[in-house]
Amino acid sequence: MKKLIVFVSCLFTLTCFSQLYAQELNEGKTQDEKQLTKQEKKELKKQQKLERKKQKSDESTELHNNAVNAIKSKQFILETHTLYNKRGYPVNVSPNTNFVGMNGENVVIQLAFPGGVIGPNGIGGITVTGKASAVEIRESKKGALTMSMNVIGPMVNSQIVITLNAGSNLAQAHVAQQTKSGRLRFSGYLVPMEESDVYESPRQY
């Protein structure tokens, strides 16, 4: 009887140790799997970041190509978010009311300062129109595009140089008065005319 009890006790103890050992193995396996999952998540996150970066690059390239075509067809709006005076002082403005636009040979330059209700155009600035001449377009090897032209109208006699950055539709327009020392720089995003929703004042000069 004692031998039977001892045998059963040993068997019970062995079973317990076996279960504990198997549990430890399973826990260790789970730890490895969890570690592998973290690594996989890290790789997945890295891959997603690369895909987002590529998507953003593709979108920027598409915007740039659209802007290039718009300039070459002379159908564009430079929606301006920052204006710089001749000393380089910046002023943040609304791209909905500040722009340089071209439609064929017709050019519109509009200024509307924040909170302004006084001004010839009724929105805090002035809107001038003119005809473009001596238009030249140059493209660099790196992909930047430059358009230069003279614009003459009732209230404007300026040379305008528009530079489109390589790889995006970010652009700047340098407007220099021929008869005065006035100079402005418009900085913003250049888009095809049909894609723009700027407000153009009917009070034009």
Protein backbone atom coordinates (compact mmCIF):
# COMPACT_ATOMS: atom_id res chain seq x y z
CA MET A 1 0.00 0.00 0.00
CA LYS A 2 2.80 2.37 0.92
CA LYS A 3 4.47 1.63 -2.42
CA LEU A 4 1.25 2.48 -4.23
CA ILE A 5 0.90 5.75 -2.34
CA VAL A 6 4.52 6.65 -3.08
CA PHE A 7 4.03 5.76 -6.75
CA VAL A 8 0.90 7.86 -7.02
CA SER A 9 2.61 10.76 -5.23
CA CYS A 10 5.57 10.57 -7.58
CA LEU A 11 3.27 10.38 -10.57
CA PHE A 12 1.30 13.41 -9.35
CA THR A 13 4.50 15.37 -8.72
CA LEU A 14 5.87 14.46 -12.13
CA THR A 15 2.62 15.49 -13.79
CA CYS A 16 2.70 18.84 -12.01
CA PHE A 17 6.29 19.49 -13.00
CA SER A 18 5.49 18.48 -16.59
CA GLN A 19 2.59 20.92 -16.71
CA LEU A 20 4.68 23.70 -15.22
CA TYR A 21 7.48 23.03 -17.72
CA ALA A 22 5.05 22.97 -20.63
CA GLN A 23 3.51 26.21 -19.38
CA GLU A 24 6.92 27.86 -19.18
CA LEU A 25 7.67 26.70 -22.72
CA ASN A 26 4.37 28.12 -23.95
CA GLU A 27 4.99 31.38 -22.11
CA GLY A 28 8.46 31.57 -23.61
CA LYS A 29 7.04 30.90 -27.06
CA THR A 30 4.42 33.56 -26.52
CA GLN A 31 7.14 36.04 -25.53
CA ASP A 32 9.03 35.25 -28.75
CA GLU A 33 5.87 35.60 -30.78
CA LYS A 34 5.09 38.91 -29.10
CA GLN A 35 8.62 40.12 -29.83
CA LEU A 36 8.27 39.03 -33.43
CA THR A 37 4.93 40.84 -33.65
CA LYS A 38 6.53 44.05 -32.41
CA GLN A 39 9.23 43.70 -35.04
CA GLU A 40 6.64 43.07 -37.71
CA LYS A 41 4.69 46.11 -36.57
CA LYS A 42 7.86 48.17 -36.75
CA GLU A 43 8.54 46.98 -40.29
CA LEU A 44 4.92 47.59 -41.26
CA LYS A 45 5.03 51.11 -39.84
CA LYS A 46 8.24 51.78 -41.77
CA GLN A 47 6.68 50.48 -44.97
CA GLN A 48 3.57 52.60 -44.49
CA LYS A 49 5.74 55.69 -43.93
CA LEU A 50 7.61 55.01 -47.17
CA GLU A 51 4.33 54.53 -49.03
CA ARG A 52 2.96 57.82 -47.65
CA LYS A 53 6.18 59.58 -48.64
CA LYS A 54 5.97 58.14 -52.16
CA GLN A 55 2.32 59.09 -52.44
CA LYS A 56 3.10 62.65 -51.34
CA SER A 57 5.97 62.81 -53.83
CA ASP A 58 3.69 61.54 -56.61
CA GLU A 59 1.06 64.14 -55.70
CA SER A 60 3.67 66.94 -55.69
CA THR A 61 4.94 65.79 -59.08
CA GLU A 62 1.41 65.82 -60.48
CA LEU A 63 0.78 69.32 -59.11
CA HIS A 64 4.08 70.49 -60.61
CA ASN A 65 3.26 69.02 -64.02
CA ASN A 66 -0.18 70.65 -63.96
CA ALA A 67 1.42 73.99 -63.08
CA VAL A 68 3.97 73.64 -65.91
CA ASN A 69 1.20 72.96 -68.42
CA ALA A 70 -0.81 75.90 -67.06
CA ILE A 71 2.13 78.29 -67.50
CA LYS A 72 2.91 77.06 -71.00
CA SER A 73 -0.75 77.44 -71.99
CA LYS A 74 -0.91 80.87 -70.25
CA GLN A 75 -3.94 79.82 -68.20
CA PHE A 76 -3.02 80.01 -64.52
CA ILE A 77 -3.55 81.65 -61.14
CA LEU A 78 -0.80 82.16 -58.57
CA GLU A 79 -2.83 81.99 -55.34
CA THR A 80 -0.76 84.06 -52.93
CA HIS A 81 -0.44 83.39 -49.19
CA THR A 82 2.51 85.76 -48.52
CA LEU A 83 3.40 89.18 -49.91
CA TYR A 84 6.87 90.73 -49.63
CA ASN A 85 7.65 94.42 -50.14
CA LYS A 86 10.86 95.70 -51.73
CA ARG A 87 12.67 95.37 -48.38
CA GLY A 88 11.59 91.74 -48.04
CA TYR A 89 9.08 92.35 -45.24
CA PRO A 90 6.43 89.57 -45.31
CA VAL A 91 2.68 89.96 -44.88
CA ASN A 92 0.37 86.96 -44.63
CA VAL A 93 -2.65 87.38 -46.91
CA SER A 94 -5.61 85.36 -48.14
CA PRO A 95 -4.93 83.31 -51.30
CA ASN A 96 -8.61 83.74 -52.18
CA THR A 97 -8.20 87.47 -52.84
CA ASN A 98 -4.48 87.95 -53.53
CA PHE A 99 -3.15 86.59 -56.79
CA VAL A 100 -1.45 87.03 -60.11
CA GLY A 101 -3.46 85.55 -62.95
CA MET A 102 -2.95 85.06 -66.66
CA ASN A 103 -5.52 84.20 -69.31
CA GLY A 104 -3.90 84.31 -72.72
CA GLU A 105 -2.43 87.80 -73.05
CA ASN A 106 -4.63 89.20 -70.26
CA VAL A 107 -3.02 89.60 -66.84
CA VAL A 108 -4.68 90.45 -63.52
CA ILE A 109 -2.82 91.49 -60.37
CA GLN A 110 -4.92 91.80 -57.22
CA LEU A 111 -4.04 92.89 -53.69
CA ALA A 112 -6.37 92.72 -50.68
CA PHE A 113 -4.87 93.19 -47.25
CA PRO A 114 -6.29 91.44 -44.14
CA GLY A 115 -9.31 93.19 -42.64
CA GLY A 116 -9.26 95.83 -45.33
CA VAL A 117 -12.49 97.28 -46.67
CA ILE A 118 -10.97 100.51 -47.96
CA GLY A 119 -9.30 100.53 -51.33
CA PRO A 120 -10.08 101.02 -55.01
CA ASN A 121 -11.23 97.40 -55.38
CA GLY A 122 -13.47 97.48 -52.28
CA ILE A 123 -11.69 94.59 -50.53
CA GLY A 124 -8.75 96.41 -49.01
CA GLY A 125 -6.44 96.80 -51.98
CA ILE A 126 -6.33 97.26 -55.72
CA THR A 127 -6.99 95.17 -58.83
CA VAL A 128 -5.10 96.10 -61.99
CA THR A 129 -5.23 94.57 -65.44
CA GLY A 130 -2.96 94.71 -68.45
CA LYS A 131 -1.74 93.00 -71.59
CA ALA A 132 1.33 90.76 -71.61
CA SER A 133 4.14 91.11 -74.13
CA ALA A 134 7.67 89.80 -74.61
CA VAL A 135 6.70 86.56 -72.89
CA GLU A 136 9.59 84.14 -72.36
CA ILE A 137 9.56 80.71 -70.70
CA ARG A 138 12.73 78.93 -69.59
CA GLU A 139 13.09 75.54 -67.92
CA SER A 140 16.13 74.49 -65.91
CA LYS A 141 17.69 71.03 -65.96
CA LYS A 142 16.46 70.51 -62.39
CA GLY A 143 12.85 71.14 -63.38
CA ALA A 144 12.28 74.72 -62.25
CA LEU A 145 10.36 76.92 -64.69
CA THR A 146 10.68 80.69 -65.19
CA MET A 147 8.28 82.94 -67.08
CA SER A 148 9.12 86.60 -67.72
CA MET A 149 6.91 89.22 -69.37
CA ASN A 150 6.07 92.88 -69.58
CA VAL A 151 2.56 93.93 -68.57
CA ILE A 152 1.05 97.27 -69.60
CA GLY A 153 -2.40 98.54 -68.65
CA PRO A 154 -4.26 101.66 -67.47
CA MET A 155 -2.70 101.47 -63.99
CA VAL A 156 0.21 99.08 -64.49
CA ASN A 157 3.51 99.15 -66.35
CA SER A 158 5.51 96.31 -64.86
CA GLN A 159 7.94 93.53 -65.52
CA ILE A 160 6.79 90.25 -64.01
CA VAL A 161 9.01 87.24 -63.44
CA ILE A 162 7.32 84.05 -62.24
CA THR A 163 9.43 81.18 -60.91
CA LEU A 164 7.93 77.73 -60.39
CA ASN A 165 9.88 75.52 -57.99
CA ALA A 166 11.08 72.11 -59.15
CA GLY A 167 8.98 69.17 -57.97
CA SER A 168 5.99 71.15 -56.65
CA ASN A 169 3.57 73.94 -57.58
CA LEU A 170 5.06 76.42 -55.11
CA ALA A 171 5.87 79.61 -57.03
CA GLN A 172 6.90 83.24 -56.67
CA ALA A 173 6.04 86.24 -58.83
CA HIS A 174 8.34 89.28 -58.76
CA VAL A 175 6.47 92.38 -59.90
CA ALA A 176 8.61 95.46 -60.58
CA GLN A 177 7.11 98.76 -61.71
CA GLN A 178 8.91 100.13 -64.76
CA THR A 179 8.14 103.77 -63.99
CA LYS A 180 8.57 103.70 -60.20
CA SER A 181 10.77 101.96 -57.64
CA GLY A 182 7.88 99.83 -56.40
CA ARG A 183 8.53 96.12 -56.12
CA LEU A 184 6.42 93.26 -54.75
CA ARG A 185 6.92 89.53 -54.47
CA PHE A 186 3.93 87.18 -54.43
CA SER A 187 4.51 83.72 -52.93
CA GLY A 188 1.98 80.90 -53.11
CA TYR A 189 0.76 77.95 -55.16
CA LEU A 190 0.29 78.10 -58.90
CA VAL A 191 -2.72 76.21 -60.24
CA PRO A 192 -4.54 75.91 -63.57
CA MET A 193 -7.17 78.62 -63.97
CA GLU A 194 -10.05 76.14 -64.03
CA GLU A 195 -9.01 74.74 -60.64
CA SER A 196 -8.84 78.11 -58.88
CA ASP A 197 -11.68 79.67 -56.87
CA VAL A 198 -10.19 83.13 -56.22
CA TYR A 199 -12.47 86.13 -55.90
CA GLU A 200 -11.74 88.75 -58.53
CA SER A 201 -13.04 92.22 -57.73
CA PRO A 202 -15.18 93.80 -60.47
CA ARG A 203 -13.56 97.18 -59.63
CA GLN A 204 -10.56 96.92 -61.92
CA TYR A 205 -8.11 99.49 -63.26
